[in-house]
Amino acid sequence: MRKFAFNVLMWLMIAMFAGCNTVSGFGKDVQKLGRKMEEAADRRNR
C-alpha cells in the first residue's frame, strides 16, 4: 500500500511541476495539494 501511495504522490508532483509556470502558480498548486491531503485524512479518520 505504501508503494502505491508513493507512486501516486510522485505522479501528482510531476503533474504539478509540469502544470505551473510561475512561483505564484506553484504556491497555488501546493495549497490545492495540501487541501486534498487534508480532506483525504479527514475522510480516513471518520
Protein backbone atom coordinates (compact mmCIF):
# COMPACT_ATOMS: atom_id res chain seq x y z
CA MET A 1 0.00 0.00 0.00
CA ARG A 2 2.81 2.42 0.83
CA LYS A 3 4.49 1.76 -2.51
CA PHE A 4 1.22 2.55 -4.31
CA ALA A 5 0.71 5.76 -2.32
CA PHE A 6 4.30 6.80 -3.01
CA ASN A 7 3.83 6.23 -6.75
CA VAL A 8 0.61 8.24 -6.79
CA LEU A 9 2.29 11.07 -4.90
CA MET A 10 5.22 11.10 -7.30
CA TRP A 11 2.92 11.26 -10.35
CA LEU A 12 0.95 14.10 -8.74
CA MET A 13 4.15 16.01 -8.09
CA ILE A 14 5.30 15.51 -11.68
CA ALA A 15 1.95 16.76 -12.97
CA MET A 16 2.05 19.71 -10.59
CA PHE A 17 5.55 20.76 -11.65
CA ALA A 18 4.65 20.41 -15.31
CA GLY A 19 1.48 22.46 -14.85
CA CYS A 20 2.79 25.54 -13.06
CA ASN A 21 4.95 28.10 -14.78
CA THR A 22 5.41 30.71 -12.07
CA VAL A 23 6.20 30.87 -8.36
CA SER A 24 2.65 32.08 -7.75
CA GLY A 25 1.24 29.16 -9.70
CA PHE A 26 3.45 26.78 -7.73
CA GLY A 27 2.11 28.18 -4.45
CA LYS A 28 -1.47 27.71 -5.58
CA ASP A 29 -0.72 24.14 -6.65
CA VAL A 30 0.87 23.35 -3.28
CA GLN A 31 -2.15 24.80 -1.47
CA LYS A 32 -4.53 22.73 -3.56
CA LEU A 33 -2.49 19.58 -2.91
CA GLY A 34 -2.48 20.33 0.82
CA ARG A 35 -6.25 20.75 0.88
CA LYS A 36 -6.76 17.46 -0.94
CA MET A 37 -4.45 15.68 1.50
CA GLU A 38 -6.32 17.16 4.48
CA GLU A 39 -9.67 16.10 3.02
CA ALA A 40 -8.39 12.57 2.47
CA ALA A 41 -7.06 12.42 6.03
CA ASP A 42 -10.37 13.69 7.42
CA ARG A 43 -12.30 11.05 5.45
CA ARG A 44 -9.96 8.34 6.68
CA ASN A 45 -10.27 9.39 10.35
CA ARG A 46 -14.08 9.32 10.42
